[in-house]
Amino acid sequence: MEGEDRLVSVIPVHFTNGLHPNIQLHQFPLLTRPLEVPPSAAASGKRIRARVKPNIKRLEVHVPVDTRPEVWNTDRSQALGSARVEDDKEKNQELPKVKQREGEEPRLSEVRMRSEQVSQSGSYVLGVLRDGRLHLHPISETHQFRPTLTYMDMHTRKARRNRGGDDSDEDDGPPPDPDEPAPPPAPKKEKKPTGEAREVQVAVRKTGEGSGLQFQGGMTQVRREMLTLIHAEEDERWEDFEYCGGETTEANEAFESVFSTSFQELECKSDITSLLKDVPGL
């Protein structure tokens, strides 16, 4: 290209953190579809619900399913709904009971999307261009949401029991720890006459108040920490939140709070040298 780049326009930049730390970036696997209630579910009065575990920063969004006969299998939803109820009880994740007709089986009536916090590389900001001015607000956290399908394991176990393949309520347990050496094969022992039966208990016990759980056995430190985190997540109670869609009055009021009303100029206290030092790889 010949000639120098010319200045096209100057855009004033406004910065505010009035809603910090309540501005978060949430990513949903919806492609181009909006996060909203399907028309068939909205006609019956259903709406999106949300809940959060603040200590571990876990969020869940419950979206009603599209129950049109051409896209929904009612029989399948009954089987999976029963498995989800049992899975919730097992993991201490039960929802408030919904009124059902006498003799009616629970149904899979919603898709649950659970968050996983993603670390941010650098500082993320929300930017909105309005009236020729760019308004910026810092983003405190980033979360990626995925559908939870843990009830499928419960459904598989129930199907095995119904086929008579396994009468036990337990699965095969967690996979072996790759960090541990493989146990040597047990030598064959001759049968001995049965003596007095003795009860042997292997337990997970608390070492003291506030000191958490102590796992006994040959587990590595990483595996013990993972199990402690899983128990802590299951023990924390969910807190219900009201979900407000993008077109609601509450959402519009929060959106207006993003825009700065101050015209005070900010003083830059960094120079080009300190900026370049913070760039990785330079």
C-alpha atoms as a PDB file:
ATOM      1  CA  MET A   1       0.000   0.000   0.000  1.00  0.00           C
ATOM      2  CA  GLU A   2       1.165   3.477  -0.842  1.00  0.00           C
ATOM      3  CA  GLY A   3       0.855   6.324   1.601  1.00  0.00           C
ATOM      4  CA  GLU A   4       0.415   6.331   5.356  1.00  0.00           C
ATOM      5  CA  ASP A   5      -2.620   5.102   7.279  1.00  0.00           C
ATOM      6  CA  ARG A   6      -4.982   7.962   7.956  1.00  0.00           C
ATOM      7  CA  LEU A   7      -6.940   8.561  11.131  1.00  0.00           C
ATOM      8  CA  VAL A   8     -10.569   7.624  10.519  1.00  0.00           C
ATOM      9  CA  SER A   9     -12.148   8.488  13.866  1.00  0.00           C
ATOM     10  CA  VAL A  10     -11.435   8.991  17.557  1.00  0.00           C
ATOM     11  CA  ILE A  11     -13.570   7.038  20.042  1.00  0.00           C
ATOM     12  CA  PRO A  12     -13.611   8.126  23.692  1.00  0.00           C
ATOM     13  CA  VAL A  13     -13.182   5.197  26.112  1.00  0.00           C
ATOM     14  CA  HIS A  14     -15.078   5.064  29.424  1.00  0.00           C
ATOM     15  CA  PHE A  15     -14.175   2.581  32.148  1.00  0.00           C
ATOM     16  CA  THR A  16     -16.298   1.573  35.143  1.00  0.00           C
ATOM     17  CA  ASN A  17     -16.286  -1.283  37.664  1.00  0.00           C
ATOM     18  CA  GLY A  18     -19.614  -0.458  39.306  1.00  0.00           C
ATOM     19  CA  LEU A  19     -20.908  -4.035  38.964  1.00  0.00           C
ATOM     20  CA  HIS A  20     -17.651  -5.798  39.899  1.00  0.00           C
ATOM     21  CA  PRO A  21     -17.411  -8.749  40.667  1.00  0.00           C
ATOM     22  CA  ASN A  22     -20.878  -9.563  39.311  1.00  0.00           C
ATOM     23  CA  ILE A  23     -20.013  -9.400  35.598  1.00  0.00           C
ATOM     24  CA  GLN A  24     -19.107 -12.895  34.382  1.00  0.00           C
ATOM     25  CA  LEU A  25     -18.657 -14.491  30.975  1.00  0.00           C
ATOM     26  CA  HIS A  26     -20.839 -17.603  30.499  1.00  0.00           C
ATOM     27  CA  GLN A  27     -20.370 -19.831  27.459  1.00  0.00           C
ATOM     28  CA  PHE A  28     -23.139 -22.260  26.450  1.00  0.00           C
ATOM     29  CA  PRO A  29     -23.014 -25.015  23.766  1.00  0.00           C
ATOM     30  CA  LEU A  30     -25.969 -23.551  21.858  1.00  0.00           C
ATOM     31  CA  LEU A  31     -24.263 -22.511  18.597  1.00  0.00           C
ATOM     32  CA  THR A  32     -26.503 -19.733  17.222  1.00  0.00           C
ATOM     33  CA  ARG A  33     -29.589 -20.547  19.311  1.00  0.00           C
ATOM     34  CA  PRO A  34     -30.512 -18.239  22.205  1.00  0.00           C
ATOM     35  CA  LEU A  35     -30.808 -19.498  25.774  1.00  0.00           C
ATOM     36  CA  GLU A  36     -34.585 -19.466  26.137  1.00  0.00           C
ATOM     37  CA  VAL A  37     -37.552 -21.700  26.972  1.00  0.00           C
ATOM     38  CA  PRO A  38     -38.917 -23.706  23.992  1.00  0.00           C
ATOM     39  CA  PRO A  39     -42.389 -22.516  22.894  1.00  0.00           C
ATOM     40  CA  SER A  40     -44.019 -25.829  23.880  1.00  0.00           C
ATOM     41  CA  ALA A  41     -42.644 -25.529  27.428  1.00  0.00           C
ATOM     42  CA  ALA A  42     -43.389 -21.803  27.694  1.00  0.00           C
ATOM     43  CA  ALA A  43     -47.034 -22.482  26.810  1.00  0.00           C
ATOM     44  CA  SER A  44     -47.338 -24.669  29.921  1.00  0.00           C
ATOM     45  CA  GLY A  45     -45.805 -22.004  32.177  1.00  0.00           C
ATOM     46  CA  LYS A  46     -42.323 -23.483  32.541  1.00  0.00           C
ATOM     47  CA  ARG A  47     -39.280 -21.213  32.863  1.00  0.00           C
ATOM     48  CA  ILE A  48     -35.522 -21.394  33.204  1.00  0.00           C
ATOM     49  CA  ARG A  49     -34.155 -21.894  36.718  1.00  0.00           C
ATOM     50  CA  ALA A  50     -30.682 -21.391  38.131  1.00  0.00           C
ATOM     51  CA  ARG A  51     -28.763 -22.331  41.269  1.00  0.00           C
ATOM     52  CA  VAL A  52     -25.206 -21.898  42.529  1.00  0.00           C
ATOM     53  CA  LYS A  53     -22.704 -23.300  45.020  1.00  0.00           C
ATOM     54  CA  PRO A  54     -20.799 -20.141  45.965  1.00  0.00           C
ATOM     55  CA  ASN A  55     -17.896 -21.747  47.836  1.00  0.00           C
ATOM     56  CA  ILE A  56     -16.757 -23.905  44.924  1.00  0.00           C
ATOM     57  CA  LYS A  57     -18.103 -21.462  42.298  1.00  0.00           C
ATOM     58  CA  ARG A  58     -20.318 -23.989  40.551  1.00  0.00           C
ATOM     59  CA  LEU A  59     -23.408 -22.844  38.658  1.00  0.00           C
ATOM     60  CA  GLU A  60     -26.300 -24.752  37.119  1.00  0.00           C
ATOM     61  CA  VAL A  61     -28.915 -23.575  34.629  1.00  0.00           C
ATOM     62  CA  HIS A  62     -32.015 -25.733  34.137  1.00  0.00           C
ATOM     63  CA  VAL A  63     -33.703 -25.304  30.752  1.00  0.00           C
ATOM     64  CA  PRO A  64     -37.101 -26.982  30.120  1.00  0.00           C
ATOM     65  CA  VAL A  65     -37.067 -29.468  27.256  1.00  0.00           C
ATOM     66  CA  ASP A  66     -39.076 -29.312  24.043  1.00  0.00           C
ATOM     67  CA  THR A  67     -41.838 -31.885  24.626  1.00  0.00           C
ATOM     68  CA  ARG A  68     -43.355 -31.922  21.132  1.00  0.00           C
ATOM     69  CA  PRO A  69     -44.101 -35.545  20.111  1.00  0.00           C
ATOM     70  CA  GLU A  70     -42.050 -35.260  16.922  1.00  0.00           C
ATOM     71  CA  VAL A  71     -38.845 -34.493  18.886  1.00  0.00           C
ATOM     72  CA  TRP A  72     -39.476 -36.074  22.302  1.00  0.00           C
ATOM     73  CA  ASN A  73     -39.796 -39.679  23.496  1.00  0.00           C
ATOM     74  CA  THR A  74     -42.176 -39.771  26.468  1.00  0.00           C
ATOM     75  CA  ASP A  75     -41.379 -43.361  27.494  1.00  0.00           C
ATOM     76  CA  ARG A  76     -37.665 -42.664  27.438  1.00  0.00           C
ATOM     77  CA  SER A  77     -38.140 -39.504  29.507  1.00  0.00           C
ATOM     78  CA  GLN A  78     -39.881 -41.523  32.243  1.00  0.00           C
ATOM     79  CA  ALA A  79     -37.025 -44.007  32.484  1.00  0.00           C
ATOM     80  CA  LEU A  80     -34.364 -41.294  32.560  1.00  0.00           C
ATOM     81  CA  GLY A  81     -36.389 -39.123  34.925  1.00  0.00           C
ATOM     82  CA  SER A  82     -36.545 -41.918  37.490  1.00  0.00           C
ATOM     83  CA  ALA A  83     -32.780 -42.434  37.151  1.00  0.00           C
ATOM     84  CA  ARG A  84     -32.125 -38.710  37.671  1.00  0.00           C
ATOM     85  CA  VAL A  85     -34.166 -38.687  40.913  1.00  0.00           C
ATOM     86  CA  GLU A  86     -32.103 -41.568  42.301  1.00  0.00           C
ATOM     87  CA  ASP A  87     -28.862 -39.963  41.121  1.00  0.00           C
ATOM     88  CA  ASP A  88     -29.778 -36.706  42.875  1.00  0.00           C
ATOM     89  CA  LYS A  89     -30.453 -38.539  46.132  1.00  0.00           C
ATOM     90  CA  GLU A  90     -27.168 -40.415  45.905  1.00  0.00           C
ATOM     91  CA  LYS A  91     -25.166 -37.219  45.317  1.00  0.00           C
ATOM     92  CA  ASN A  92     -27.158 -35.020  47.732  1.00  0.00           C
ATOM     93  CA  GLN A  93     -28.308 -32.819  44.831  1.00  0.00           C
ATOM     94  CA  GLU A  94     -32.067 -33.050  45.302  1.00  0.00           C
ATOM     95  CA  LEU A  95     -34.365 -30.342  43.966  1.00  0.00           C
ATOM     96  CA  PRO A  96     -37.545 -29.135  45.691  1.00  0.00           C
ATOM     97  CA  LYS A  97     -40.252 -31.718  45.176  1.00  0.00           C
ATOM     98  CA  VAL A  98     -42.624 -31.054  42.295  1.00  0.00           C
ATOM     99  CA  LYS A  99     -46.286 -31.937  42.643  1.00  0.00           C
ATOM    100  CA  GLN A 100     -47.188 -35.073  40.691  1.00  0.00           C
ATOM    101  CA  ARG A 101     -50.337 -37.016  40.186  1.00  0.00           C
ATOM    102  CA  GLU A 102     -50.821 -40.120  42.262  1.00  0.00           C
ATOM    103  CA  GLY A 103     -48.979 -43.039  40.682  1.00  0.00           C
ATOM    104  CA  GLU A 104     -47.210 -40.810  38.134  1.00  0.00           C
ATOM    105  CA  GLU A 105     -43.537 -41.517  37.527  1.00  0.00           C
ATOM    106  CA  PRO A 106     -41.022 -38.626  37.490  1.00  0.00           C
ATOM    107  CA  ARG A 107     -40.033 -37.484  34.015  1.00  0.00           C
ATOM    108  CA  LEU A 108     -36.938 -35.910  32.517  1.00  0.00           C
ATOM    109  CA  SER A 109     -38.393 -32.444  32.054  1.00  0.00           C
ATOM    110  CA  GLU A 110     -35.284 -30.244  31.816  1.00  0.00           C
ATOM    111  CA  VAL A 111     -31.704 -30.076  30.596  1.00  0.00           C
ATOM    112  CA  ARG A 112     -29.216 -29.214  33.304  1.00  0.00           C
ATOM    113  CA  MET A 113     -26.122 -27.324  32.227  1.00  0.00           C
ATOM    114  CA  ARG A 114     -23.360 -27.191  34.826  1.00  0.00           C
ATOM    115  CA  SER A 115     -20.454 -24.752  34.785  1.00  0.00           C
ATOM    116  CA  GLU A 116     -16.724 -25.290  34.907  1.00  0.00           C
ATOM    117  CA  GLN A 117     -14.635 -22.227  35.715  1.00  0.00           C
ATOM    118  CA  VAL A 118     -12.000 -21.390  33.108  1.00  0.00           C
ATOM    119  CA  SER A 119      -8.846 -19.518  34.015  1.00  0.00           C
ATOM    120  CA  GLN A 120      -8.461 -16.169  32.278  1.00  0.00           C
ATOM    121  CA  SER A 121      -5.241 -15.332  30.456  1.00  0.00           C
ATOM    122  CA  GLY A 122      -4.944 -11.616  31.054  1.00  0.00           C
ATOM    123  CA  SER A 123      -7.754  -9.212  31.905  1.00  0.00           C
ATOM    124  CA  TYR A 124     -11.135  -9.677  30.240  1.00  0.00           C
ATOM    125  CA  VAL A 125     -13.501  -6.745  29.763  1.00  0.00           C
ATOM    126  CA  LEU A 126     -17.009  -6.246  28.455  1.00  0.00           C
ATOM    127  CA  GLY A 127     -17.160  -3.563  25.789  1.00  0.00           C
ATOM    128  CA  VAL A 128     -20.292  -1.801  24.509  1.00  0.00           C
ATOM    129  CA  LEU A 129     -20.268   0.963  21.893  1.00  0.00           C
ATOM    130  CA  ARG A 130     -23.033   3.527  22.457  1.00  0.00           C
ATOM    131  CA  ASP A 131     -23.427   7.048  21.101  1.00  0.00           C
ATOM    132  CA  GLY A 132     -19.891   7.076  19.747  1.00  0.00           C
ATOM    133  CA  ARG A 133     -18.320   6.100  23.094  1.00  0.00           C
ATOM    134  CA  LEU A 134     -16.774   2.757  24.076  1.00  0.00           C
ATOM    135  CA  HIS A 135     -17.799   1.667  27.585  1.00  0.00           C
ATOM    136  CA  LEU A 136     -15.636  -0.995  29.282  1.00  0.00           C
ATOM    137  CA  HIS A 137     -16.346  -3.081  32.389  1.00  0.00           C
ATOM    138  CA  PRO A 138     -14.016  -5.779  33.840  1.00  0.00           C
ATOM    139  CA  ILE A 139     -15.122  -9.437  33.718  1.00  0.00           C
ATOM    140  CA  SER A 140     -14.363 -11.242  36.988  1.00  0.00           C
ATOM    141  CA  GLU A 141     -14.863 -14.904  35.991  1.00  0.00           C
ATOM    142  CA  THR A 142     -15.347 -17.086  32.913  1.00  0.00           C
ATOM    143  CA  HIS A 143     -17.482 -20.247  33.018  1.00  0.00           C
ATOM    144  CA  GLN A 144     -18.161 -22.894  30.390  1.00  0.00           C
ATOM    145  CA  PHE A 145     -21.475 -24.777  30.671  1.00  0.00           C
ATOM    146  CA  ARG A 146     -22.054 -28.351  29.544  1.00  0.00           C
ATOM    147  CA  PRO A 147     -25.068 -30.675  29.920  1.00  0.00           C
ATOM    148  CA  THR A 148     -24.818 -33.021  32.914  1.00  0.00           C
ATOM    149  CA  LEU A 149     -25.495 -36.675  32.069  1.00  0.00           C
ATOM    150  CA  THR A 150     -24.559 -38.393  35.339  1.00  0.00           C
ATOM    151  CA  TYR A 151     -28.042 -39.893  35.533  1.00  0.00           C
ATOM    152  CA  MET A 152     -27.141 -42.101  32.567  1.00  0.00           C
ATOM    153  CA  ASP A 153     -24.825 -44.135  34.832  1.00  0.00           C
ATOM    154  CA  MET A 154     -27.686 -44.681  37.260  1.00  0.00           C
ATOM    155  CA  HIS A 155     -29.979 -45.693  34.395  1.00  0.00           C
ATOM    156  CA  THR A 156     -27.399 -48.228  33.163  1.00  0.00           C
ATOM    157  CA  ARG A 157     -27.077 -49.746  36.622  1.00  0.00           C
ATOM    158  CA  LYS A 158     -30.848 -50.042  36.955  1.00  0.00           C
ATOM    159  CA  ALA A 159     -31.071 -51.696  33.546  1.00  0.00           C
ATOM    160  CA  ARG A 160     -28.454 -54.267  34.567  1.00  0.00           C
ATOM    161  CA  ARG A 161     -30.316 -55.091  37.744  1.00  0.00           C
ATOM    162  CA  ASN A 162     -33.577 -55.496  35.833  1.00  0.00           C
ATOM    163  CA  ARG A 163     -31.870 -57.932  33.451  1.00  0.00           C
ATOM    164  CA  GLY A 164     -30.615 -59.929  36.411  1.00  0.00           C
ATOM    165  CA  GLY A 165     -26.989 -59.341  35.554  1.00  0.00           C
ATOM    166  CA  ASP A 166     -26.166 -57.542  38.775  1.00  0.00           C
ATOM    167  CA  ASP A 167     -28.220 -57.411  41.919  1.00  0.00           C
ATOM    168  CA  SER A 168     -25.827 -55.064  43.623  1.00  0.00           C
ATOM    169  CA  ASP A 169     -26.602 -51.377  43.988  1.00  0.00           C
ATOM    170  CA  GLU A 170     -22.957 -50.470  43.618  1.00  0.00           C
ATOM    171  CA  ASP A 171     -20.836 -50.219  40.509  1.00  0.00           C
ATOM    172  CA  ASP A 172     -17.291 -51.534  40.115  1.00  0.00           C
ATOM    173  CA  GLY A 173     -15.876 -48.570  42.014  1.00  0.00           C
ATOM    174  CA  PRO A 174     -13.385 -45.944  40.802  1.00  0.00           C
ATOM    175  CA  PRO A 175     -10.757 -46.850  38.215  1.00  0.00           C
ATOM    176  CA  PRO A 176      -7.312 -47.885  39.474  1.00  0.00           C
ATOM    177  CA  ASP A 177      -4.849 -45.127  40.209  1.00  0.00           C
ATOM    178  CA  PRO A 178      -2.231 -45.024  37.403  1.00  0.00           C
ATOM    179  CA  ASP A 179       0.351 -43.662  39.852  1.00  0.00           C
ATOM    180  CA  GLU A 180       0.199 -46.779  41.992  1.00  0.00           C
ATOM    181  CA  PRO A 181       2.044 -50.006  41.077  1.00  0.00           C
ATOM    182  CA  ALA A 182      -0.156 -52.837  39.934  1.00  0.00           C
ATOM    183  CA  PRO A 183      -0.907 -55.276  42.764  1.00  0.00           C
ATOM    184  CA  PRO A 184       0.722 -58.697  42.391  1.00  0.00           C
ATOM    185  CA  PRO A 185      -1.599 -61.569  41.503  1.00  0.00           C
ATOM    186  CA  ALA A 186      -2.941 -63.277  44.581  1.00  0.00           C
ATOM    187  CA  PRO A 187      -1.700 -66.857  45.007  1.00  0.00           C
ATOM    188  CA  LYS A 188      -4.292 -69.564  44.972  1.00  0.00           C
ATOM    189  CA  LYS A 189      -5.125 -70.819  48.404  1.00  0.00           C
ATOM    190  CA  GLU A 190      -6.563 -74.120  49.390  1.00  0.00           C
ATOM    191  CA  LYS A 191     -10.005 -74.109  50.815  1.00  0.00           C
ATOM    192  CA  LYS A 192     -10.076 -74.173  54.582  1.00  0.00           C
ATOM    193  CA  PRO A 193     -12.950 -75.041  56.811  1.00  0.00           C
ATOM    194  CA  THR A 194     -15.123 -72.058  57.490  1.00  0.00           C
ATOM    195  CA  GLY A 195     -14.515 -70.633  60.934  1.00  0.00           C
ATOM    196  CA  GLU A 196     -16.178 -67.907  62.878  1.00  0.00           C
ATOM    197  CA  ALA A 197     -17.271 -65.000  60.665  1.00  0.00           C
ATOM    198  CA  ARG A 198     -15.781 -61.653  61.583  1.00  0.00           C
ATOM    199  CA  GLU A 199     -16.863 -58.246  60.443  1.00  0.00           C
ATOM    200  CA  VAL A 200     -14.194 -56.034  58.883  1.00  0.00           C
ATOM    201  CA  GLN A 201     -14.920 -52.366  58.277  1.00  0.00           C
ATOM    202  CA  VAL A 202     -13.014 -49.947  56.069  1.00  0.00           C
ATOM    203  CA  ALA A 203     -14.154 -46.383  56.657  1.00  0.00           C
ATOM    204  CA  VAL A 204     -13.496 -42.818  55.699  1.00  0.00           C
ATOM    205  CA  ARG A 205     -13.295 -40.928  58.962  1.00  0.00           C
ATOM    206  CA  LYS A 206     -12.894 -37.354  60.082  1.00  0.00           C
ATOM    207  CA  THR A 207      -9.738 -36.582  62.026  1.00  0.00           C
ATOM    208  CA  GLY A 208     -11.235 -33.616  63.801  1.00  0.00           C
ATOM    209  CA  GLU A 209     -13.586 -30.729  63.440  1.00  0.00           C
ATOM    210  CA  GLY A 210     -12.624 -28.565  60.505  1.00  0.00           C
ATOM    211  CA  SER A 211      -9.779 -30.836  59.445  1.00  0.00           C
ATOM    212  CA  GLY A 212     -11.702 -32.567  56.644  1.00  0.00           C
ATOM    213  CA  LEU A 213     -11.699 -36.226  55.711  1.00  0.00           C
ATOM    214  CA  GLN A 214      -8.849 -38.698  56.094  1.00  0.00           C
ATOM    215  CA  PHE A 215      -8.706 -41.518  53.552  1.00  0.00           C
ATOM    216  CA  GLN A 216      -7.003 -44.702  54.584  1.00  0.00           C
ATOM    217  CA  GLY A 217      -5.308 -46.932  52.058  1.00  0.00           C
ATOM    218  CA  GLY A 218      -2.646 -46.755  49.390  1.00  0.00           C
ATOM    219  CA  MET A 219      -3.890 -43.701  47.518  1.00  0.00           C
ATOM    220  CA  THR A 220      -1.612 -41.012  46.183  1.00  0.00           C
ATOM    221  CA  GLN A 221      -1.811 -37.441  47.399  1.00  0.00           C
ATOM    222  CA  VAL A 222      -3.388 -36.244  44.147  1.00  0.00           C
ATOM    223  CA  ARG A 223      -6.106 -38.884  44.350  1.00  0.00           C
ATOM    224  CA  ARG A 224      -6.855 -38.010  47.964  1.00  0.00           C
ATOM    225  CA  GLU A 225      -7.176 -34.338  47.093  1.00  0.00           C
ATOM    226  CA  MET A 226      -9.544 -35.148  44.227  1.00  0.00           C
ATOM    227  CA  LEU A 227     -11.783 -37.219  46.497  1.00  0.00           C
ATOM    228  CA  THR A 228     -11.781 -34.462  49.113  1.00  0.00           C
ATOM    229  CA  LEU A 229     -12.899 -31.919  46.506  1.00  0.00           C
ATOM    230  CA  ILE A 230     -15.660 -34.246  45.274  1.00  0.00           C
ATOM    231  CA  HIS A 231     -16.977 -34.747  48.807  1.00  0.00           C
ATOM    232  CA  ALA A 232     -16.832 -31.009  49.510  1.00  0.00           C
ATOM    233  CA  GLU A 233     -18.837 -30.270  46.362  1.00  0.00           C
ATOM    234  CA  GLU A 234     -21.492 -32.860  47.127  1.00  0.00           C
ATOM    235  CA  ASP A 235     -21.836 -31.674  50.734  1.00  0.00           C
ATOM    236  CA  GLU A 236     -22.342 -27.994  49.868  1.00  0.00           C
ATOM    237  CA  ARG A 237     -25.972 -27.016  49.465  1.00  0.00           C
ATOM    238  CA  TRP A 238     -27.312 -25.331  46.343  1.00  0.00           C
ATOM    239  CA  GLU A 239     -28.590 -21.754  46.563  1.00  0.00           C
ATOM    240  CA  ASP A 240     -31.480 -20.953  44.226  1.00  0.00           C
ATOM    241  CA  PHE A 241     -31.193 -17.882  41.999  1.00  0.00           C
ATOM    242  CA  GLU A 242     -33.838 -16.170  39.914  1.00  0.00           C
ATOM    243  CA  TYR A 243     -33.009 -16.373  36.212  1.00  0.00           C
ATOM    244  CA  CYS A 244     -33.889 -13.240  34.234  1.00  0.00           C
ATOM    245  CA  GLY A 245     -33.877 -13.366  30.446  1.00  0.00           C
ATOM    246  CA  GLY A 246     -32.238 -10.747  28.281  1.00  0.00           C
ATOM    247  CA  GLU A 247     -35.494  -8.895  27.596  1.00  0.00           C
ATOM    248  CA  THR A 248     -36.717  -8.641  31.207  1.00  0.00           C
ATOM    249  CA  THR A 249     -36.879  -5.409  33.193  1.00  0.00           C
ATOM    250  CA  GLU A 250     -34.226  -6.652  35.645  1.00  0.00           C
ATOM    251  CA  ALA A 251     -31.817  -7.462  32.812  1.00  0.00           C
ATOM    252  CA  ASN A 252     -32.300  -4.055  31.186  1.00  0.00           C
ATOM    253  CA  GLU A 253     -31.628  -2.270  34.484  1.00  0.00           C
ATOM    254  CA  ALA A 254     -28.418  -4.252  34.977  1.00  0.00           C
ATOM    255  CA  PHE A 255     -27.379  -3.503  31.392  1.00  0.00           C
ATOM    256  CA  GLU A 256     -27.769   0.239  31.939  1.00  0.00           C
ATOM    257  CA  SER A 257     -25.440   0.004  34.954  1.00  0.00           C
ATOM    258  CA  VAL A 258     -22.600  -1.012  32.625  1.00  0.00           C
ATOM    259  CA  PHE A 259     -22.385   2.483  31.141  1.00  0.00           C
ATOM    260  CA  SER A 260     -20.260   5.042  32.929  1.00  0.00           C
ATOM    261  CA  THR A 261     -21.757   8.446  33.665  1.00  0.00           C
ATOM    262  CA  SER A 262     -18.464   9.975  34.789  1.00  0.00           C
ATOM    263  CA  PHE A 263     -16.331  12.130  32.483  1.00  0.00           C
ATOM    264  CA  GLN A 264     -13.318  12.248  34.815  1.00  0.00           C
ATOM    265  CA  GLU A 265     -10.131  11.571  32.881  1.00  0.00           C
ATOM    266  CA  LEU A 266      -7.971   8.690  34.110  1.00  0.00           C
ATOM    267  CA  GLU A 267      -4.250   9.126  34.476  1.00  0.00           C
ATOM    268  CA  CYS A 268      -2.050   6.454  32.917  1.00  0.00           C
ATOM    269  CA  LYS A 269       0.691   5.419  35.355  1.00  0.00           C
ATOM    270  CA  SER A 270       2.437   2.854  33.126  1.00  0.00           C
ATOM    271  CA  ASP A 271       4.825   3.387  30.247  1.00  0.00           C
ATOM    272  CA  ILE A 272       5.617   1.392  27.127  1.00  0.00           C
ATOM    273  CA  THR A 273       8.565  -0.342  28.826  1.00  0.00           C
ATOM    274  CA  SER A 274       6.501  -1.836  31.663  1.00  0.00           C
ATOM    275  CA  LEU A 275       3.811  -2.797  29.171  1.00  0.00           C
ATOM    276  CA  LEU A 276       6.221  -4.755  26.988  1.00  0.00           C
ATOM    277  CA  LYS A 277       7.737  -6.518  30.015  1.00  0.00           C
ATOM    278  CA  ASP A 278       4.323  -7.956  30.890  1.00  0.00           C
ATOM    279  CA  VAL A 279       3.866  -9.482  27.407  1.00  0.00           C
ATOM    280  CA  PRO A 280       4.728 -13.226  27.565  1.00  0.00           C
ATOM    281  CA  GLY A 281       7.464 -14.323  25.184  1.00  0.00           C
ATOM    282  CA  LEU A 282       9.073 -10.931  24.674  1.00  0.00           C
END
